Amino acid sequence: METSIDSLVEGSDNPARTLRLMIQEMEDALVEMKSSCAQEMASRAKAQRSLETLAGEEKRWMERAELAVARGRDDMAREALLRRRTVLASLETARTLLSEIAQKIRKSQEEIARVEGKLREARAKLAARQETPSAPAPAPSVAASADEEIEKLLSEIRTRLGNNNLTR
């Protein structure tokens, strides 16, 4: 999908068919990408809950250690601190995992946005081909002047109607 859509289509015997196939492939890829991203989001939620549970457990072990010291039970305080240390290691691992999952989600979302942009581009090219199947694409300068002309017409229509709700 990194390749230019134009270069793939122009080299084809049937450009409209090629565009339709490309669109279908991109749509299928998007479904898979979004599904994968949703799974990662579910993993993130699970990791977040685990992190919160571990944080609560760490706090409880610290409170137990303080209570044991207050009661003069140094042996119990040492045991509570050892367990707290184990929970702290698990807590750090959970934080790292959560960070990795968040990074995967960001990358997935960026890739989804990129593919959606390519899909919009391909759909626009297909629509343009279907409107004028045998006409060649207009030169950039012609297209730019046509856009300016359309903008002028829209502006004139807005002025005549006195309605600023018409947007492009």
C-alpha atoms as a PDB file:
ATOM      1  CA  MET A   1       0.000   0.000   0.000  1.00  0.00           C
ATOM      2  CA  GLU A   2       3.057   2.221   0.145  1.00  0.00           C
ATOM      3  CA  THR A   3       3.137   2.304  -3.640  1.00  0.00           C
ATOM      4  CA  SER A   4       1.349   5.162  -5.306  1.00  0.00           C
ATOM      5  CA  ILE A   5      -2.198   4.275  -6.236  1.00  0.00           C
ATOM      6  CA  ASP A   6      -1.783   6.080  -9.550  1.00  0.00           C
ATOM      7  CA  SER A   7       1.218   4.006 -10.606  1.00  0.00           C
ATOM      8  CA  LEU A   8      -0.607   0.754  -9.856  1.00  0.00           C
ATOM      9  CA  VAL A   9      -3.787   1.801 -11.611  1.00  0.00           C
ATOM     10  CA  GLU A  10      -2.177   3.309 -14.709  1.00  0.00           C
ATOM     11  CA  GLY A  11      -0.229   0.125 -15.431  1.00  0.00           C
ATOM     12  CA  SER A  12      -3.415  -1.937 -15.341  1.00  0.00           C
ATOM     13  CA  ASP A  13      -5.531  -3.140 -18.266  1.00  0.00           C
ATOM     14  CA  ASN A  14      -8.710  -2.316 -16.324  1.00  0.00           C
ATOM     15  CA  PRO A  15      -7.995   0.583 -13.933  1.00  0.00           C
ATOM     16  CA  ALA A  16     -11.498   0.702 -12.431  1.00  0.00           C
ATOM     17  CA  ARG A  17     -11.375  -3.006 -11.604  1.00  0.00           C
ATOM     18  CA  THR A  18      -7.908  -2.606 -10.119  1.00  0.00           C
ATOM     19  CA  LEU A  19      -9.146   0.267  -7.951  1.00  0.00           C
ATOM     20  CA  ARG A  20     -12.133  -1.784  -6.765  1.00  0.00           C
ATOM     21  CA  LEU A  21      -9.840  -4.680  -5.837  1.00  0.00           C
ATOM     22  CA  MET A  22      -7.453  -2.329  -4.021  1.00  0.00           C
ATOM     23  CA  ILE A  23     -10.365  -0.792  -2.117  1.00  0.00           C
ATOM     24  CA  GLN A  24     -11.636  -4.238  -1.105  1.00  0.00           C
ATOM     25  CA  GLU A  25      -8.175  -5.281   0.086  1.00  0.00           C
ATOM     26  CA  MET A  26      -7.768  -2.065   2.075  1.00  0.00           C
ATOM     27  CA  GLU A  27     -11.220  -2.484   3.639  1.00  0.00           C
ATOM     28  CA  ASP A  28     -10.368  -6.067   4.641  1.00  0.00           C
ATOM     29  CA  ALA A  29      -7.038  -4.942   6.073  1.00  0.00           C
ATOM     30  CA  LEU A  30      -8.780  -2.178   8.030  1.00  0.00           C
ATOM     31  CA  VAL A  31     -11.204  -4.658   9.579  1.00  0.00           C
ATOM     32  CA  GLU A  32      -8.297  -6.809  10.733  1.00  0.00           C
ATOM     33  CA  MET A  33      -6.317  -3.807  11.971  1.00  0.00           C
ATOM     34  CA  LYS A  34      -9.260  -2.426  13.926  1.00  0.00           C
ATOM     35  CA  SER A  35      -9.959  -5.832  15.442  1.00  0.00           C
ATOM     36  CA  SER A  36      -6.341  -6.161  16.518  1.00  0.00           C
ATOM     37  CA  CYS A  37      -6.404  -2.650  17.970  1.00  0.00           C
ATOM     38  CA  ALA A  38      -9.587  -3.454  19.906  1.00  0.00           C
ATOM     39  CA  GLN A  39      -7.889  -6.534  21.363  1.00  0.00           C
ATOM     40  CA  GLU A  40      -4.940  -4.411  22.421  1.00  0.00           C
ATOM     41  CA  MET A  41      -7.320  -1.945  24.068  1.00  0.00           C
ATOM     42  CA  ALA A  42      -8.911  -4.813  25.993  1.00  0.00           C
ATOM     43  CA  SER A  43      -5.431  -5.926  27.046  1.00  0.00           C
ATOM     44  CA  ARG A  44      -4.684  -2.383  28.175  1.00  0.00           C
ATOM     45  CA  ALA A  45      -7.822  -2.325  30.331  1.00  0.00           C
ATOM     46  CA  LYS A  46      -6.898  -5.682  31.873  1.00  0.00           C
ATOM     47  CA  ALA A  47      -3.323  -4.511  32.528  1.00  0.00           C
ATOM     48  CA  GLN A  48      -4.648  -1.305  34.102  1.00  0.00           C
ATOM     49  CA  ARG A  49      -6.880  -3.304  36.467  1.00  0.00           C
ATOM     50  CA  SER A  50      -3.941  -5.537  37.353  1.00  0.00           C
ATOM     51  CA  LEU A  51      -1.802  -2.472  38.033  1.00  0.00           C
ATOM     52  CA  GLU A  52      -4.442  -1.020  40.348  1.00  0.00           C
ATOM     53  CA  THR A  53      -4.776  -4.335  42.193  1.00  0.00           C
ATOM     54  CA  LEU A  54      -1.019  -4.578  42.669  1.00  0.00           C
ATOM     55  CA  ALA A  55      -0.833  -0.985  43.901  1.00  0.00           C
ATOM     56  CA  GLY A  56      -3.482  -1.765  46.517  1.00  0.00           C
ATOM     57  CA  GLU A  57      -1.656  -4.916  47.538  1.00  0.00           C
ATOM     58  CA  GLU A  58       1.621  -3.013  47.893  1.00  0.00           C
ATOM     59  CA  LYS A  59      -0.083  -0.479  50.123  1.00  0.00           C
ATOM     60  CA  ARG A  60      -1.580  -3.232  52.308  1.00  0.00           C
ATOM     61  CA  TRP A  61       1.810  -4.912  52.793  1.00  0.00           C
ATOM     62  CA  MET A  62       3.340  -1.596  53.797  1.00  0.00           C
ATOM     63  CA  GLU A  63       0.546  -1.019  56.323  1.00  0.00           C
ATOM     64  CA  ARG A  64       1.067  -4.541  57.716  1.00  0.00           C
ATOM     65  CA  ALA A  65       4.791  -3.899  58.072  1.00  0.00           C
ATOM     66  CA  GLU A  66       4.120  -0.626  59.939  1.00  0.00           C
ATOM     67  CA  LEU A  67       1.580  -2.325  62.197  1.00  0.00           C
ATOM     68  CA  ALA A  68       4.011  -5.148  62.959  1.00  0.00           C
ATOM     69  CA  VAL A  69       6.725  -2.629  63.887  1.00  0.00           C
ATOM     70  CA  ALA A  70       4.255  -0.754  66.124  1.00  0.00           C
ATOM     71  CA  ARG A  71       3.468  -4.015  67.942  1.00  0.00           C
ATOM     72  CA  GLY A  72       7.122  -4.926  68.283  1.00  0.00           C
ATOM     73  CA  ARG A  73       6.931  -7.848  65.860  1.00  0.00           C
ATOM     74  CA  ASP A  74      10.059  -7.258  63.811  1.00  0.00           C
ATOM     75  CA  ASP A  75       9.931 -10.750  62.298  1.00  0.00           C
ATOM     76  CA  MET A  76       6.455 -10.076  60.890  1.00  0.00           C
ATOM     77  CA  ALA A  77       7.542  -6.628  59.707  1.00  0.00           C
ATOM     78  CA  ARG A  78      10.481  -8.157  57.775  1.00  0.00           C
ATOM     79  CA  GLU A  79       8.166 -10.727  56.190  1.00  0.00           C
ATOM     80  CA  ALA A  80       5.665  -8.019  55.191  1.00  0.00           C
ATOM     81  CA  LEU A  81       8.455  -5.915  53.668  1.00  0.00           C
ATOM     82  CA  LEU A  82       9.759  -8.906  51.704  1.00  0.00           C
ATOM     83  CA  ARG A  83       6.289  -9.524  50.287  1.00  0.00           C
ATOM     84  CA  ARG A  84       5.934  -5.830  49.538  1.00  0.00           C
ATOM     85  CA  ARG A  85       9.234  -5.959  47.612  1.00  0.00           C
ATOM     86  CA  THR A  86       7.887  -8.871  45.538  1.00  0.00           C
ATOM     87  CA  VAL A  87       4.692  -6.924  44.820  1.00  0.00           C
ATOM     88  CA  LEU A  88       6.741  -3.839  43.858  1.00  0.00           C
ATOM     89  CA  ALA A  89       8.652  -5.920  41.287  1.00  0.00           C
ATOM     90  CA  SER A  90       5.349  -7.173  39.867  1.00  0.00           C
ATOM     91  CA  LEU A  91       4.042  -3.613  39.876  1.00  0.00           C
ATOM     92  CA  GLU A  92       7.019  -2.411  37.840  1.00  0.00           C
ATOM     93  CA  THR A  93       6.551  -5.258  35.357  1.00  0.00           C
ATOM     94  CA  ALA A  94       2.862  -4.354  35.031  1.00  0.00           C
ATOM     95  CA  ARG A  95       3.759  -0.692  34.388  1.00  0.00           C
ATOM     96  CA  THR A  96       6.199  -1.700  31.661  1.00  0.00           C
ATOM     97  CA  LEU A  97       3.595  -3.962  30.068  1.00  0.00           C
ATOM     98  CA  LEU A  98       0.993  -1.205  30.189  1.00  0.00           C
ATOM     99  CA  SER A  99       3.417   1.209  28.529  1.00  0.00           C
ATOM    100  CA  GLU A 100       4.211  -1.315  25.768  1.00  0.00           C
ATOM    101  CA  ILE A 101       0.527  -1.946  25.126  1.00  0.00           C
ATOM    102  CA  ALA A 102      -0.184   1.794  24.958  1.00  0.00           C
ATOM    103  CA  GLN A 103       2.629   2.193  22.422  1.00  0.00           C
ATOM    104  CA  LYS A 104       1.233  -0.652  20.281  1.00  0.00           C
ATOM    105  CA  ILE A 105      -2.202   0.980  20.367  1.00  0.00           C
ATOM    106  CA  ARG A 106      -0.769   4.329  19.257  1.00  0.00           C
ATOM    107  CA  LYS A 107       1.090   2.689  16.374  1.00  0.00           C
ATOM    108  CA  SER A 108      -2.016   0.743  15.371  1.00  0.00           C
ATOM    109  CA  GLN A 109      -4.144   3.864  15.398  1.00  0.00           C
ATOM    110  CA  GLU A 110      -1.591   5.728  13.278  1.00  0.00           C
ATOM    111  CA  GLU A 111      -1.485   2.867  10.783  1.00  0.00           C
ATOM    112  CA  ILE A 112      -5.295   2.703  10.688  1.00  0.00           C
ATOM    113  CA  ALA A 113      -5.454   6.433   9.965  1.00  0.00           C
ATOM    114  CA  ARG A 114      -2.860   6.058   7.197  1.00  0.00           C
ATOM    115  CA  VAL A 115      -4.758   3.201   5.540  1.00  0.00           C
ATOM    116  CA  GLU A 116      -8.046   5.071   5.883  1.00  0.00           C
ATOM    117  CA  GLY A 117      -6.456   8.016   4.071  1.00  0.00           C
ATOM    118  CA  LYS A 118      -5.269   5.743   1.262  1.00  0.00           C
ATOM    119  CA  LEU A 119      -8.754   4.204   1.130  1.00  0.00           C
ATOM    120  CA  ARG A 120     -10.374   7.634   0.792  1.00  0.00           C
ATOM    121  CA  GLU A 121      -7.913   8.466  -1.959  1.00  0.00           C
ATOM    122  CA  ALA A 122      -8.676   5.229  -3.825  1.00  0.00           C
ATOM    123  CA  ARG A 123     -12.434   5.740  -3.479  1.00  0.00           C
ATOM    124  CA  ALA A 124     -12.128   9.280  -4.815  1.00  0.00           C
ATOM    125  CA  LYS A 125     -10.100   8.065  -7.784  1.00  0.00           C
ATOM    126  CA  LEU A 126     -12.678   5.344  -8.479  1.00  0.00           C
ATOM    127  CA  ALA A 127     -15.534   7.828  -8.273  1.00  0.00           C
ATOM    128  CA  ALA A 128     -13.703  10.158 -10.656  1.00  0.00           C
ATOM    129  CA  ARG A 129     -13.132   7.298 -13.096  1.00  0.00           C
ATOM    130  CA  GLN A 130     -16.768   6.262 -12.947  1.00  0.00           C
ATOM    131  CA  GLU A 131     -17.951   9.802 -13.659  1.00  0.00           C
ATOM    132  CA  THR A 132     -15.761  10.105 -16.735  1.00  0.00           C
ATOM    133  CA  PRO A 133     -14.538   6.602 -17.610  1.00  0.00           C
ATOM    134  CA  SER A 134     -12.739   7.477 -20.832  1.00  0.00           C
ATOM    135  CA  ALA A 135     -11.609  11.018 -20.071  1.00  0.00           C
ATOM    136  CA  PRO A 136      -8.016  11.454 -18.941  1.00  0.00           C
ATOM    137  CA  ALA A 137      -7.367  13.061 -15.585  1.00  0.00           C
ATOM    138  CA  PRO A 138      -7.185  16.869 -15.833  1.00  0.00           C
ATOM    139  CA  ALA A 139      -3.825  18.529 -15.542  1.00  0.00           C
ATOM    140  CA  PRO A 140      -3.054  19.912 -12.078  1.00  0.00           C
ATOM    141  CA  SER A 141      -3.339  23.520 -13.241  1.00  0.00           C
ATOM    142  CA  VAL A 142      -6.743  22.810 -14.830  1.00  0.00           C
ATOM    143  CA  ALA A 143      -7.914  21.053 -11.664  1.00  0.00           C
ATOM    144  CA  ALA A 144      -6.724  23.942  -9.506  1.00  0.00           C
ATOM    145  CA  SER A 145      -8.519  26.505 -11.620  1.00  0.00           C
ATOM    146  CA  ALA A 146     -11.658  24.347 -11.568  1.00  0.00           C
ATOM    147  CA  ASP A 147     -11.465  24.261  -7.779  1.00  0.00           C
ATOM    148  CA  GLU A 148     -11.156  28.036  -7.674  1.00  0.00           C
ATOM    149  CA  GLU A 149     -14.133  28.391  -9.978  1.00  0.00           C
ATOM    150  CA  ILE A 150     -16.210  26.079  -7.810  1.00  0.00           C
ATOM    151  CA  GLU A 151     -15.238  28.074  -4.719  1.00  0.00           C
ATOM    152  CA  LYS A 152     -16.336  31.300  -6.431  1.00  0.00           C
ATOM    153  CA  LEU A 153     -19.678  29.753  -7.350  1.00  0.00           C
ATOM    154  CA  LEU A 154     -20.217  28.464  -3.820  1.00  0.00           C
ATOM    155  CA  SER A 155     -19.370  31.884  -2.438  1.00  0.00           C
ATOM    156  CA  GLU A 156     -21.823  33.518  -4.794  1.00  0.00           C
ATOM    157  CA  ILE A 157     -24.545  31.023  -3.829  1.00  0.00           C
ATOM    158  CA  ARG A 158     -23.912  31.615  -0.125  1.00  0.00           C
ATOM    159  CA  THR A 159     -24.132  35.356  -0.677  1.00  0.00           C
ATOM    160  CA  ARG A 160     -27.369  35.084  -2.625  1.00  0.00           C
ATOM    161  CA  LEU A 161     -28.999  32.801  -0.099  1.00  0.00           C
ATOM    162  CA  GLY A 162     -27.625  34.704   2.861  1.00  0.00           C
ATOM    163  CA  ASN A 163     -27.063  31.363   4.504  1.00  0.00           C
ATOM    164  CA  ASN A 164     -23.592  30.721   5.903  1.00  0.00           C
ATOM    165  CA  ASN A 165     -24.507  27.129   6.756  1.00  0.00           C
ATOM    166  CA  LEU A 166     -23.586  25.920   3.281  1.00  0.00           C
ATOM    167  CA  THR A 167     -20.100  24.505   3.527  1.00  0.00           C
ATOM    168  CA  ARG A 168     -17.989  22.480   1.275  1.00  0.00           C
END
